[in-house]
Amino acid sequence: MSEEEIIEKFERENITLASIGKRAIAYSIDEILVSVLFMVLYTSSYPPTNDVEQTINMISNLIIYVILLKIIYQAFFVWMYGATLGKIFMKIRVVSLYDIEKPSLLHSILRATVRILSENIFYLGFLWAFLNPKKETWHDKVAGTLVINAY
């Protein structure tokens, strides 16, 4: 299906794409929630320290857990509800490009994984949405999804 056909289909169904601003706010909400969840889960497992180098080493050892938690959070909520908590709050959702339904588990995991890669490459995948008429990020493009207004 070409971009024009997709846009026509969305117009027929009265579906509008979510703005970059709404997506950015949803992203910020999700990052705060994941950070708080991470602190709740892992803060008690490491003793407090006054040594900066030791603190940096402890944090760097936890990076893989942060990445896994973000992938699980994103994949689970997008797969189950079509939106993360931040997206639900902002009244936007993720849909599969071709059937306008919530993405499958595989597509949700793929989307979440590429999202992490995009974050770690200076957010270039997010900036891509500014240049794209469908406001697709790299993770949307790879997973075949779009973010739309829910109401």
C-alpha atoms as a PDB file:
ATOM      1  CA  MET A   1       0.000   0.000   0.000  1.00  0.00           C
ATOM      2  CA  SER A   2       1.481   3.367  -1.022  1.00  0.00           C
ATOM      3  CA  GLU A   3       1.681   6.416   1.233  1.00  0.00           C
ATOM      4  CA  GLU A   4      -1.115   8.085  -0.689  1.00  0.00           C
ATOM      5  CA  GLU A   5      -3.390   5.050  -0.286  1.00  0.00           C
ATOM      6  CA  ILE A   6      -2.646   4.910   3.442  1.00  0.00           C
ATOM      7  CA  ILE A   7      -3.387   8.600   3.866  1.00  0.00           C
ATOM      8  CA  GLU A   8      -6.637   8.223   1.893  1.00  0.00           C
ATOM      9  CA  LYS A   9      -7.634   5.233   4.023  1.00  0.00           C
ATOM     10  CA  PHE A  10      -7.004   7.224   7.203  1.00  0.00           C
ATOM     11  CA  GLU A  11      -9.009  10.156   5.879  1.00  0.00           C
ATOM     12  CA  ARG A  12     -11.948   7.841   5.003  1.00  0.00           C
ATOM     13  CA  GLU A  13     -11.854   6.391   8.517  1.00  0.00           C
ATOM     14  CA  ASN A  14     -11.501   9.895  10.034  1.00  0.00           C
ATOM     15  CA  ILE A  15      -8.180   8.944  11.656  1.00  0.00           C
ATOM     16  CA  THR A  16      -5.615  11.636  12.353  1.00  0.00           C
ATOM     17  CA  LEU A  17      -1.930  11.223  13.089  1.00  0.00           C
ATOM     18  CA  ALA A  18      -0.722  12.224  16.533  1.00  0.00           C
ATOM     19  CA  SER A  19       1.324  15.394  16.637  1.00  0.00           C
ATOM     20  CA  ILE A  20       5.025  15.328  17.426  1.00  0.00           C
ATOM     21  CA  GLY A  21       4.282  17.421  20.520  1.00  0.00           C
ATOM     22  CA  LYS A  22       1.819  14.875  21.935  1.00  0.00           C
ATOM     23  CA  ARG A  23       4.276  12.093  21.216  1.00  0.00           C
ATOM     24  CA  ALA A  24       7.084  13.977  22.960  1.00  0.00           C
ATOM     25  CA  ILE A  25       4.976  14.500  26.086  1.00  0.00           C
ATOM     26  CA  ALA A  26       3.943  10.824  26.090  1.00  0.00           C
ATOM     27  CA  TYR A  27       7.614   9.866  25.705  1.00  0.00           C
ATOM     28  CA  SER A  28       8.551  12.044  28.702  1.00  0.00           C
ATOM     29  CA  ILE A  29       5.800  10.537  30.854  1.00  0.00           C
ATOM     30  CA  ASP A  30       6.937   7.020  29.937  1.00  0.00           C
ATOM     31  CA  GLU A  31      10.578   7.829  30.695  1.00  0.00           C
ATOM     32  CA  ILE A  32       9.635   9.167  34.139  1.00  0.00           C
ATOM     33  CA  LEU A  33       7.485   6.104  34.892  1.00  0.00           C
ATOM     34  CA  VAL A  34      10.208   3.670  33.812  1.00  0.00           C
ATOM     35  CA  SER A  35      12.809   5.591  35.823  1.00  0.00           C
ATOM     36  CA  VAL A  36      10.670   5.494  38.964  1.00  0.00           C
ATOM     37  CA  LEU A  37       9.938   1.791  38.434  1.00  0.00           C
ATOM     38  CA  PHE A  38      13.635   1.110  37.981  1.00  0.00           C
ATOM     39  CA  MET A  39      14.536   3.010  41.143  1.00  0.00           C
ATOM     40  CA  VAL A  40      11.908   1.117  43.123  1.00  0.00           C
ATOM     41  CA  LEU A  41      13.162  -2.238  41.825  1.00  0.00           C
ATOM     42  CA  TYR A  42      16.909  -1.727  42.114  1.00  0.00           C
ATOM     43  CA  THR A  43      17.705   0.993  44.662  1.00  0.00           C
ATOM     44  CA  SER A  44      17.425  -1.308  47.647  1.00  0.00           C
ATOM     45  CA  SER A  45      19.754  -3.888  46.083  1.00  0.00           C
ATOM     46  CA  TYR A  46      22.771  -1.550  46.092  1.00  0.00           C
ATOM     47  CA  PRO A  47      24.243  -0.026  49.242  1.00  0.00           C
ATOM     48  CA  PRO A  48      24.692   3.752  49.383  1.00  0.00           C
ATOM     49  CA  THR A  49      28.190   4.980  48.640  1.00  0.00           C
ATOM     50  CA  ASN A  50      30.078   8.262  48.890  1.00  0.00           C
ATOM     51  CA  ASP A  51      32.624   7.273  46.260  1.00  0.00           C
ATOM     52  CA  VAL A  52      31.731   8.762  42.859  1.00  0.00           C
ATOM     53  CA  GLU A  53      33.711   6.183  40.906  1.00  0.00           C
ATOM     54  CA  GLN A  54      31.987   3.306  42.688  1.00  0.00           C
ATOM     55  CA  THR A  55      28.586   4.905  42.030  1.00  0.00           C
ATOM     56  CA  ILE A  56      29.396   5.258  38.320  1.00  0.00           C
ATOM     57  CA  ASN A  57      30.478   1.607  38.171  1.00  0.00           C
ATOM     58  CA  MET A  58      27.252   0.479  39.855  1.00  0.00           C
ATOM     59  CA  ILE A  59      25.151   2.517  37.422  1.00  0.00           C
ATOM     60  CA  SER A  60      27.027   1.264  34.375  1.00  0.00           C
ATOM     61  CA  ASN A  61      26.455  -2.314  35.545  1.00  0.00           C
ATOM     62  CA  LEU A  62      22.708  -1.624  35.593  1.00  0.00           C
ATOM     63  CA  ILE A  63      22.444  -0.226  32.045  1.00  0.00           C
ATOM     64  CA  ILE A  64      21.422  -3.580  30.558  1.00  0.00           C
ATOM     65  CA  TYR A  65      18.609  -3.814  33.124  1.00  0.00           C
ATOM     66  CA  VAL A  66      17.384  -0.330  32.215  1.00  0.00           C
ATOM     67  CA  ILE A  67      17.346  -1.271  28.525  1.00  0.00           C
ATOM     68  CA  LEU A  68      15.496  -4.530  29.196  1.00  0.00           C
ATOM     69  CA  LEU A  69      12.960  -2.799  31.426  1.00  0.00           C
ATOM     70  CA  LYS A  70      12.294  -0.171  28.729  1.00  0.00           C
ATOM     71  CA  ILE A  71      11.850  -2.838  26.036  1.00  0.00           C
ATOM     72  CA  ILE A  72       9.518  -4.904  28.216  1.00  0.00           C
ATOM     73  CA  TYR A  73       7.485  -1.842  29.226  1.00  0.00           C
ATOM     74  CA  GLN A  74       7.110  -0.556  25.664  1.00  0.00           C
ATOM     75  CA  ALA A  75       6.449  -3.945  24.073  1.00  0.00           C
ATOM     76  CA  PHE A  76       3.955  -5.111  26.693  1.00  0.00           C
ATOM     77  CA  PHE A  77       1.797  -1.987  26.744  1.00  0.00           C
ATOM     78  CA  VAL A  78       1.820  -1.478  22.971  1.00  0.00           C
ATOM     79  CA  TRP A  79       0.948  -5.151  22.432  1.00  0.00           C
ATOM     80  CA  MET A  80      -1.769  -5.337  25.103  1.00  0.00           C
ATOM     81  CA  TYR A  81      -3.334  -1.897  24.879  1.00  0.00           C
ATOM     82  CA  GLY A  82      -1.967  -0.318  21.709  1.00  0.00           C
ATOM     83  CA  ALA A  83      -0.422   2.412  23.878  1.00  0.00           C
ATOM     84  CA  THR A  84       1.933   2.959  26.779  1.00  0.00           C
ATOM     85  CA  LEU A  85       0.715   4.768  29.891  1.00  0.00           C
ATOM     86  CA  GLY A  86       2.111   8.040  28.542  1.00  0.00           C
ATOM     87  CA  LYS A  87       0.281   7.558  25.254  1.00  0.00           C
ATOM     88  CA  ILE A  88      -2.946   6.665  27.064  1.00  0.00           C
ATOM     89  CA  PHE A  89      -2.641   9.868  29.099  1.00  0.00           C
ATOM     90  CA  MET A  90      -2.062  11.883  25.902  1.00  0.00           C
ATOM     91  CA  LYS A  91      -4.934  10.072  24.127  1.00  0.00           C
ATOM     92  CA  ILE A  92      -2.809   8.637  21.349  1.00  0.00           C
ATOM     93  CA  ARG A  93      -2.175   5.046  20.349  1.00  0.00           C
ATOM     94  CA  VAL A  94      -0.030   2.853  18.151  1.00  0.00           C
ATOM     95  CA  VAL A  95      -1.674   0.998  15.278  1.00  0.00           C
ATOM     96  CA  SER A  96      -0.485  -1.382  12.640  1.00  0.00           C
ATOM     97  CA  LEU A  97      -0.113   0.443   9.360  1.00  0.00           C
ATOM     98  CA  TYR A  98      -2.262  -1.898   7.292  1.00  0.00           C
ATOM     99  CA  ASP A  99      -5.126  -3.024   9.482  1.00  0.00           C
ATOM    100  CA  ILE A 100      -5.349  -0.109  11.948  1.00  0.00           C
ATOM    101  CA  GLU A 101      -5.339  -2.533  14.890  1.00  0.00           C
ATOM    102  CA  LYS A 102      -2.896  -2.725  17.768  1.00  0.00           C
ATOM    103  CA  PRO A 103       0.425  -4.308  16.753  1.00  0.00           C
ATOM    104  CA  SER A 104       1.210  -7.985  17.252  1.00  0.00           C
ATOM    105  CA  LEU A 105       3.593  -9.112  19.989  1.00  0.00           C
ATOM    106  CA  LEU A 106       6.431  -9.568  17.495  1.00  0.00           C
ATOM    107  CA  HIS A 107       5.917  -6.100  15.999  1.00  0.00           C
ATOM    108  CA  SER A 108       5.675  -4.589  19.487  1.00  0.00           C
ATOM    109  CA  ILE A 109       8.973  -6.171  20.539  1.00  0.00           C
ATOM    110  CA  LEU A 110      10.615  -5.106  17.280  1.00  0.00           C
ATOM    111  CA  ARG A 111       9.293  -1.565  17.701  1.00  0.00           C
ATOM    112  CA  ALA A 112      10.523  -1.352  21.312  1.00  0.00           C
ATOM    113  CA  THR A 113      13.977  -2.703  20.408  1.00  0.00           C
ATOM    114  CA  VAL A 114      14.498  -0.319  17.491  1.00  0.00           C
ATOM    115  CA  ARG A 115      13.229   2.504  19.707  1.00  0.00           C
ATOM    116  CA  ILE A 116      16.083   1.835  22.150  1.00  0.00           C
ATOM    117  CA  LEU A 117      18.588   1.761  19.293  1.00  0.00           C
ATOM    118  CA  SER A 118      17.200   5.039  18.005  1.00  0.00           C
ATOM    119  CA  GLU A 119      17.567   6.652  21.441  1.00  0.00           C
ATOM    120  CA  ASN A 120      21.180   5.552  21.630  1.00  0.00           C
ATOM    121  CA  ILE A 121      22.060   6.978  18.218  1.00  0.00           C
ATOM    122  CA  PHE A 122      21.454  10.564  19.339  1.00  0.00           C
ATOM    123  CA  TYR A 123      17.679  10.253  18.880  1.00  0.00           C
ATOM    124  CA  LEU A 124      18.103  10.353  15.099  1.00  0.00           C
ATOM    125  CA  GLY A 125      15.210   7.934  14.634  1.00  0.00           C
ATOM    126  CA  PHE A 126      12.925  10.319  16.502  1.00  0.00           C
ATOM    127  CA  LEU A 127      14.123  13.322  14.503  1.00  0.00           C
ATOM    128  CA  TRP A 128      13.235  11.370  11.368  1.00  0.00           C
ATOM    129  CA  ALA A 129       9.551  11.925  12.192  1.00  0.00           C
ATOM    130  CA  PHE A 130       9.928  15.644  11.506  1.00  0.00           C
ATOM    131  CA  LEU A 131      10.909  14.887   7.901  1.00  0.00           C
ATOM    132  CA  ASN A 132       8.267  12.252   7.265  1.00  0.00           C
ATOM    133  CA  PRO A 133       4.687  13.075   6.128  1.00  0.00           C
ATOM    134  CA  LYS A 134       3.305  10.182   8.218  1.00  0.00           C
ATOM    135  CA  LYS A 135       5.384  11.310  11.257  1.00  0.00           C
ATOM    136  CA  GLU A 136       7.022   7.886  11.378  1.00  0.00           C
ATOM    137  CA  THR A 137      10.047   7.336  13.565  1.00  0.00           C
ATOM    138  CA  TRP A 138      12.533   4.592  12.729  1.00  0.00           C
ATOM    139  CA  HIS A 139      10.794   2.238  15.137  1.00  0.00           C
ATOM    140  CA  ASP A 140       7.442   2.954  13.480  1.00  0.00           C
ATOM    141  CA  LYS A 141       8.907   2.354  10.028  1.00  0.00           C
ATOM    142  CA  VAL A 142      10.570  -0.943  10.984  1.00  0.00           C
ATOM    143  CA  ALA A 143       7.524  -2.287  12.848  1.00  0.00           C
ATOM    144  CA  GLY A 144       4.979  -1.030  10.297  1.00  0.00           C
ATOM    145  CA  THR A 145       3.137   1.144  12.800  1.00  0.00           C
ATOM    146  CA  LEU A 146       1.769   4.667  13.078  1.00  0.00           C
ATOM    147  CA  VAL A 147       0.807   6.740  16.105  1.00  0.00           C
ATOM    148  CA  ILE A 148      -2.683   8.188  15.830  1.00  0.00           C
ATOM    149  CA  ASN A 149      -5.049  10.233  17.956  1.00  0.00           C
ATOM    150  CA  ALA A 150      -7.214   7.866  19.963  1.00  0.00           C
ATOM    151  CA  TYR A 151     -10.297  10.081  20.190  1.00  0.00           C
END
